Amino acid sequence: MQTETEQVLDLKLEPAAAARLDISAIITEHKLVHLHPHWFVDEEERRGNIMFVQLRDYETDREFSLGLRLHFFPEQEEEGQKNIMQIQLVDYGATELLFFTDQDKTRVRVRYSSQQAKKDVEQEVLLWIRALQEYLRLYTTRTPHTFFFRMLMNKMMLQMNPSQRNICIMITKITIIELLVILILVVGYVYFS
């Protein structure tokens, strides 16, 4: 007999800011699978209200399938807890990710199908939650900095697979170093001549 295990993690997002977000306009099932930093999305297929994807893990080269269904909770509160978003998972070690605010904290509850499944997929789920947390953090404040990174994430980074992201980040770092070297040379030339 399999027993479900669960884990509750703190998202470190302000509950008031998280409650103001229109999550249904920000998150889609397509974005969810592309937010994981190690997953190549090979194929997507919708069956009813569940999206099934064929994935390849960039880190381990493991291929697997995953079904997910996204559900939002409009203004629903129970026992001091306000549910924000629920991700139901099929064919995976984790069965549910429930995002909620509880008094003064924003949390996520992860349910695993068994203790063994928890050991197998816990690191992947934690990476996924961390990416979701950072993505939602971009929407909690409205500054030019967050607007720029929201646009960068939505228009570029989420369209790429993990190896393309790594190449893009590497080229960006090299370009910044080149610009700094040129700036130092120009300042040195002007200062010493």
Protein backbone atom coordinates (compact mmCIF):
# COMPACT_ATOMS: atom_id res chain seq x y z
CA MET A 1 0.00 0.00 0.00
CA GLN A 2 1.39 3.38 -1.00
CA THR A 3 1.11 6.26 1.41
CA GLU A 4 1.26 9.88 0.38
CA THR A 5 3.85 12.09 2.00
CA GLU A 6 3.86 15.84 1.95
CA GLN A 7 6.24 18.70 2.45
CA VAL A 8 5.41 22.37 3.11
CA LEU A 9 7.89 24.99 1.92
CA ASP A 10 8.02 28.73 2.48
CA LEU A 11 7.92 30.74 -0.76
CA LYS A 12 9.27 33.90 0.89
CA LEU A 13 6.79 36.08 -1.00
CA GLU A 14 4.76 38.73 0.80
CA PRO A 15 1.21 37.38 1.21
CA ALA A 16 -0.36 40.77 0.41
CA ALA A 17 1.66 41.07 -2.80
CA ALA A 18 0.94 37.46 -3.76
CA ALA A 19 -2.78 37.95 -3.11
CA ARG A 20 -2.85 40.98 -5.44
CA LEU A 21 -1.43 38.98 -8.35
CA ASP A 22 -3.72 37.78 -11.11
CA ILE A 23 -2.05 34.37 -11.26
CA SER A 24 -4.30 33.11 -14.06
CA ALA A 25 -2.98 35.89 -16.33
CA ILE A 26 0.66 35.25 -15.38
CA ILE A 27 1.01 31.45 -15.29
CA THR A 28 -0.02 28.96 -17.96
CA GLU A 29 0.68 25.24 -18.19
CA HIS A 30 3.09 25.93 -21.05
CA LYS A 31 5.05 28.43 -18.93
CA LEU A 32 5.08 26.05 -15.96
CA VAL A 33 7.01 23.32 -17.74
CA HIS A 34 9.36 25.82 -19.39
CA LEU A 35 10.18 27.45 -16.04
CA HIS A 36 12.04 24.39 -14.78
CA PRO A 37 15.74 25.16 -15.37
CA HIS A 38 16.69 21.60 -16.41
CA TRP A 39 13.78 20.40 -18.54
CA PHE A 40 13.82 20.15 -22.33
CA VAL A 41 10.22 20.02 -23.54
CA ASP A 42 10.24 17.54 -26.42
CA GLU A 43 6.51 17.25 -27.04
CA GLU A 44 3.27 18.73 -25.68
CA GLU A 45 -0.17 17.18 -26.02
CA ARG A 46 -3.49 18.16 -24.48
CA ARG A 47 -5.91 15.41 -23.45
CA GLY A 48 -9.06 16.92 -22.00
CA ASN A 49 -8.06 19.39 -19.31
CA ILE A 50 -4.64 17.81 -18.70
CA MET A 51 -1.51 18.73 -20.64
CA PHE A 52 0.94 15.85 -21.14
CA VAL A 53 4.55 16.63 -21.99
CA GLN A 54 7.56 14.53 -22.90
CA LEU A 55 10.56 15.88 -21.01
CA ARG A 56 14.28 15.33 -20.97
CA ASP A 57 16.30 16.41 -17.95
CA TYR A 58 19.31 18.50 -18.99
CA GLU A 59 21.28 17.51 -15.90
CA THR A 60 20.74 13.73 -15.90
CA ASP A 61 19.63 13.08 -19.52
CA ARG A 62 16.66 11.13 -18.10
CA GLU A 63 13.57 11.09 -20.32
CA PHE A 64 10.11 10.98 -18.77
CA SER A 65 6.53 12.09 -19.28
CA LEU A 66 4.50 14.35 -17.07
CA GLY A 67 0.85 15.29 -17.04
CA LEU A 68 -0.25 18.49 -15.36
CA ARG A 69 -3.46 20.33 -14.69
CA LEU A 70 -3.49 23.90 -13.44
CA HIS A 71 -6.27 25.20 -11.21
CA PHE A 72 -6.73 28.72 -9.81
CA PHE A 73 -8.74 29.68 -6.72
CA PRO A 74 -10.65 32.95 -7.04
CA GLU A 75 -11.24 34.48 -3.60
CA GLN A 76 -11.50 31.22 -1.67
CA GLU A 77 -10.46 31.19 1.97
CA GLU A 78 -10.63 28.42 4.53
CA GLU A 79 -9.32 28.26 8.10
CA GLY A 80 -7.05 31.31 7.69
CA GLN A 81 -5.56 29.82 4.54
CA LYS A 82 -6.16 31.32 1.09
CA ASN A 83 -5.39 28.97 -1.79
CA ILE A 84 -3.75 30.65 -4.78
CA MET A 85 -2.92 27.96 -7.32
CA GLN A 86 -2.90 24.17 -7.53
CA ILE A 87 -0.82 22.09 -9.93
CA GLN A 88 -1.97 18.49 -10.15
CA LEU A 89 0.64 16.12 -11.58
CA VAL A 90 0.13 12.77 -13.31
CA ASP A 91 2.78 10.10 -14.06
CA TYR A 92 5.29 11.76 -11.75
CA GLY A 93 6.54 11.16 -8.20
CA ALA A 94 4.83 14.30 -6.92
CA THR A 95 1.04 14.43 -7.21
CA GLU A 96 0.24 18.03 -6.23
CA LEU A 97 1.76 21.45 -5.67
CA LEU A 98 -0.61 23.76 -3.79
CA PHE A 99 0.38 27.43 -3.45
CA PHE A 100 -1.37 29.24 -0.59
CA THR A 101 -1.07 32.08 1.92
CA ASP A 102 -1.24 31.13 5.56
CA GLN A 103 -1.47 34.09 7.96
CA ASP A 104 1.75 36.02 7.30
CA LYS A 105 3.52 33.57 4.94
CA THR A 106 3.17 32.35 1.39
CA ARG A 107 3.77 28.63 1.17
CA VAL A 108 3.63 25.67 -1.16
CA ARG A 109 2.55 22.18 -0.13
CA VAL A 110 4.03 19.36 -2.20
CA ARG A 111 2.40 15.94 -2.07
CA TYR A 112 4.41 12.90 -3.13
CA SER A 113 2.88 9.54 -4.00
CA SER A 114 5.28 7.71 -1.66
CA GLN A 115 8.41 8.18 0.40
CA GLN A 116 10.50 6.61 -2.40
CA ALA A 117 8.98 8.96 -4.97
CA LYS A 118 9.85 11.87 -2.69
CA LYS A 119 13.50 10.82 -2.63
CA ASP A 120 13.56 10.40 -6.42
CA VAL A 121 12.01 13.72 -7.47
CA GLU A 122 12.48 16.05 -4.49
CA GLN A 123 15.44 17.92 -6.01
CA GLU A 124 13.62 18.43 -9.32
CA VAL A 125 10.52 19.73 -7.53
CA LEU A 126 12.58 22.09 -5.37
CA LEU A 127 14.29 23.54 -8.49
CA TRP A 128 10.89 23.98 -10.11
CA ILE A 129 9.40 25.71 -7.07
CA ARG A 130 12.43 28.01 -6.80
CA ALA A 131 12.03 29.02 -10.46
CA LEU A 132 8.29 29.64 -9.93
CA GLN A 133 9.06 31.68 -6.83
CA GLU A 134 11.51 33.92 -8.69
CA TYR A 135 9.16 34.27 -11.64
CA LEU A 136 6.27 35.34 -9.38
CA ARG A 137 8.60 37.72 -7.52
CA LEU A 138 9.04 39.64 -10.80
CA TYR A 139 5.31 40.37 -10.75
CA THR A 140 4.98 41.42 -7.09
CA THR A 141 6.67 44.79 -7.67
CA ARG A 142 6.36 47.29 -10.48
CA THR A 143 9.75 48.85 -11.16
CA PRO A 144 11.65 49.38 -14.43
CA HIS A 145 14.05 46.65 -13.31
CA THR A 146 11.29 44.03 -12.81
CA PHE A 147 9.49 45.15 -15.97
CA PHE A 148 12.69 44.59 -17.99
CA PHE A 149 13.27 41.13 -16.51
CA ARG A 150 9.60 40.14 -16.95
CA MET A 151 9.86 41.04 -20.62
CA LEU A 152 13.21 39.22 -20.92
CA MET A 153 11.80 36.08 -19.30
CA ASN A 154 8.57 36.02 -21.32
CA LYS A 155 9.96 36.97 -24.73
CA MET A 156 13.32 35.18 -24.64
CA MET A 157 14.25 32.89 -21.77
CA LEU A 158 11.03 30.86 -21.61
CA GLN A 159 11.21 30.28 -25.37
CA MET A 160 14.63 28.61 -25.05
CA ASN A 161 15.65 25.18 -23.86
CA PRO A 162 18.25 24.88 -21.03
CA SER A 163 21.32 24.61 -23.28
CA GLN A 164 20.24 27.67 -25.27
CA ARG A 165 19.77 29.58 -22.00
CA ASN A 166 23.26 28.63 -20.84
CA ILE A 167 24.79 29.74 -24.15
CA CYS A 168 22.88 33.04 -24.02
CA ILE A 169 24.00 33.71 -20.44
CA MET A 170 27.62 32.87 -21.32
CA ILE A 171 27.60 35.23 -24.33
CA THR A 172 26.07 37.98 -22.19
CA LYS A 173 28.78 37.59 -19.55
CA ILE A 174 31.53 37.66 -22.18
CA THR A 175 30.02 40.80 -23.74
CA ILE A 176 29.89 42.55 -20.36
CA ILE A 177 33.55 41.67 -19.71
CA GLU A 178 34.52 42.94 -23.18
CA LEU A 179 32.71 46.23 -22.56
CA LEU A 180 34.43 46.63 -19.18
CA VAL A 181 37.87 45.99 -20.75
CA ILE A 182 37.16 48.55 -23.50
CA LEU A 183 35.99 51.08 -20.90
CA ILE A 184 39.15 50.53 -18.81
CA LEU A 185 41.34 50.93 -21.91
CA VAL A 186 39.59 54.16 -22.93
CA VAL A 187 39.76 55.61 -19.41
CA GLY A 188 43.43 54.56 -19.12
CA TYR A 189 44.26 56.09 -22.48
CA VAL A 190 42.53 59.40 -21.65
CA TYR A 191 43.97 59.53 -18.13
CA PHE A 192 47.58 58.66 -19.00
CA SER A 193 48.01 60.57 -22.26
